[in-house]
Each structure stands twice: as structure tokens, then as C-alpha cells.
């Protein structure tokens, strides 16, 4: 399961409005090779649910994850921060053994 904090939920709702998206546009989270630590998170809107996708819903936010990425993302919490140290979505991933300073890449 992937969870969403209240701040992330609010930011996702705001982005939907800003980008002219509808409730049919879900959040797709995936993992790709690259970044400082070897793996990178990819986050975006998607209005297609593929047959092999796992679909999670938390706080009214539907999250789509492909099977390959699911192994790396189980138990992850999606958060949003807008503090002095940076602004953006953060992944709190219990599977990550190492993360880079920016928080956009990790290794297991």
C-alpha cells in the first residue's frame, strides 16, 4: 500500500485545478533507473489504468503503480513539503537503504 499525507493530498488537488485535470486523472508513481543512488521516483497524472497496474486509494487519492515498481514502493508514504529546505513531493520509503540529498533517488 502507498499512503498519502494530508499535505500531499491538498497539493495534488491544487495541481489538478492548475493543470486543468479532472478527477479521472489519477496519480501514477513508478521507479526508474537513474539518479545519484541508482533508482529514481517518477510521479505524474495519468487517466489510463493498465490491466497490470495495482491501484491504491488513500484519502480519496487514487495511486497507480506498475508491478515492477510495486516491489520498491510498498509501504511508501507520499508527502509534500514547502519548507525552507525545499519544496516538493517527498517519498518516505521504508525499502530504501540509501537516498541522495535531494530525495529524488534511492537504492535498496
Protein backbone atom coordinates (compact mmCIF):
# COMPACT_ATOMS: atom_id res chain seq x y z
CA UNK A 1 0.00 0.00 0.00
CA UNK A 2 1.05 3.58 -0.63
CA UNK A 3 -0.23 6.28 1.70
CA UNK A 4 -0.76 9.99 1.09
CA UNK A 5 -0.35 12.69 3.74
CA UNK A 6 -2.89 15.50 4.07
CA UNK A 7 -0.37 18.00 2.64
CA UNK A 8 0.26 15.80 -0.42
CA UNK A 9 -3.49 15.38 -0.94
CA UNK A 10 -4.00 19.16 -0.83
CA UNK A 11 -1.15 19.78 -3.30
CA UNK A 12 -2.41 17.09 -5.69
CA UNK A 13 -5.88 18.70 -5.64
CA UNK A 14 -4.34 22.13 -6.32
CA UNK A 15 -2.23 20.79 -9.20
CA UNK A 16 -5.31 19.16 -10.75
CA UNK A 17 -7.01 22.55 -10.85
CA UNK A 18 -3.89 24.43 -12.04
CA UNK A 19 -3.30 21.95 -14.88
CA UNK A 20 -6.98 21.61 -15.84
CA UNK A 21 -7.11 17.94 -14.88
CA UNK A 22 -10.24 16.09 -13.81
CA UNK A 23 -10.86 13.51 -11.12
CA UNK A 24 -10.29 10.92 -13.87
CA UNK A 25 -6.59 11.81 -13.73
CA UNK A 26 -5.04 9.61 -11.07
CA UNK A 27 -1.53 9.77 -9.67
CA UNK A 28 0.95 7.36 -11.24
CA UNK A 29 4.05 6.54 -9.19
CA UNK A 30 6.84 4.50 -10.70
CA UNK A 31 10.50 3.71 -10.21
CA UNK A 32 13.06 4.09 -12.98
CA UNK A 33 16.79 3.53 -13.19
CA UNK A 34 18.96 6.62 -12.74
CA UNK A 35 19.75 9.37 -10.29
CA UNK A 36 22.58 9.62 -7.79
CA UNK A 37 21.63 6.45 -5.94
CA UNK A 38 20.60 4.20 -8.84
CA UNK A 39 16.78 4.43 -8.79
CA UNK A 40 14.51 7.44 -9.28
CA UNK A 41 10.89 8.15 -8.46
CA UNK A 42 8.58 9.25 -11.25
CA UNK A 43 5.31 10.97 -10.35
CA UNK A 44 2.62 12.30 -12.65
CA UNK A 45 -1.04 12.35 -13.63
CA UNK A 46 -2.47 9.53 -15.73
CA UNK A 47 -6.03 8.96 -16.95
CA UNK A 48 -5.35 5.37 -18.04
CA UNK A 49 -5.38 2.35 -15.75
CA UNK A 50 -3.42 -0.51 -17.30
CA UNK A 51 -4.53 -4.12 -16.68
CA UNK A 52 -1.31 -4.90 -14.76
CA UNK A 53 -1.50 -1.80 -12.54
CA UNK A 54 -2.02 -2.02 -8.83
CA UNK A 55 -4.47 0.64 -7.68
CA UNK A 56 -4.36 2.06 -4.17
CA UNK A 57 -6.61 4.71 -2.70
CA UNK A 58 -5.83 6.80 0.35
CA UNK A 59 -7.67 9.94 1.46
CA UNK A 60 -9.59 9.93 -1.83
CA UNK A 61 -6.43 9.93 -3.97
CA UNK A 62 -6.08 7.01 -6.40
CA UNK A 63 -2.49 5.90 -6.94
CA UNK A 64 -1.47 3.71 -9.88
CA UNK A 65 1.66 1.57 -9.66
CA UNK A 66 3.03 -0.86 -12.24
CA UNK A 67 4.03 -4.32 -10.96
CA UNK A 68 7.77 -3.75 -11.37
CA UNK A 69 7.71 -0.55 -9.31
CA UNK A 70 5.44 -2.02 -6.64
CA UNK A 71 8.26 -4.07 -5.11
CA UNK A 72 10.23 -0.88 -4.44
CA UNK A 73 7.28 1.20 -3.25
CA UNK A 74 5.33 -0.98 -0.80
CA UNK A 75 4.80 0.90 2.44
CA UNK A 76 5.83 4.26 0.98
CA UNK A 77 4.24 7.49 2.18
CA UNK A 78 3.86 10.34 -0.32
CA UNK A 79 4.28 13.71 1.40
CA UNK A 80 4.59 17.32 0.30
CA UNK A 81 6.84 19.89 1.91
CA UNK A 82 7.11 23.60 1.34
CA UNK A 83 9.67 24.47 3.97
CA UNK A 84 12.91 26.42 3.84
CA UNK A 85 14.92 23.37 2.80
CA UNK A 86 12.97 22.87 -0.37
CA UNK A 87 9.56 22.48 -1.87
CA UNK A 88 8.05 19.43 -3.47
CA UNK A 89 6.80 15.91 -3.09
CA UNK A 90 8.79 13.58 -0.86
CA UNK A 91 8.77 9.81 -0.74
CA UNK A 92 9.16 8.26 2.70
CA UNK A 93 10.18 4.79 1.59
CA UNK A 94 10.90 2.09 4.19
CA UNK A 95 12.54 -0.06 1.47
CA UNK A 96 15.25 2.49 0.66
CA UNK A 97 18.62 1.70 2.21
CA UNK A 98 20.19 4.89 0.87
CA UNK A 99 18.82 8.13 -0.54
CA UNK A 100 20.50 11.08 -2.19
CA UNK A 101 20.48 14.55 -0.68
CA UNK A 102 17.68 15.81 -2.90
CA UNK A 103 15.43 12.84 -2.06
CA UNK A 104 14.66 12.09 -5.70
CA UNK A 105 16.72 8.91 -5.94
CA UNK A 106 17.37 5.91 -3.75
CA UNK A 107 18.79 2.41 -3.61
CA UNK A 108 17.62 -0.81 -1.98
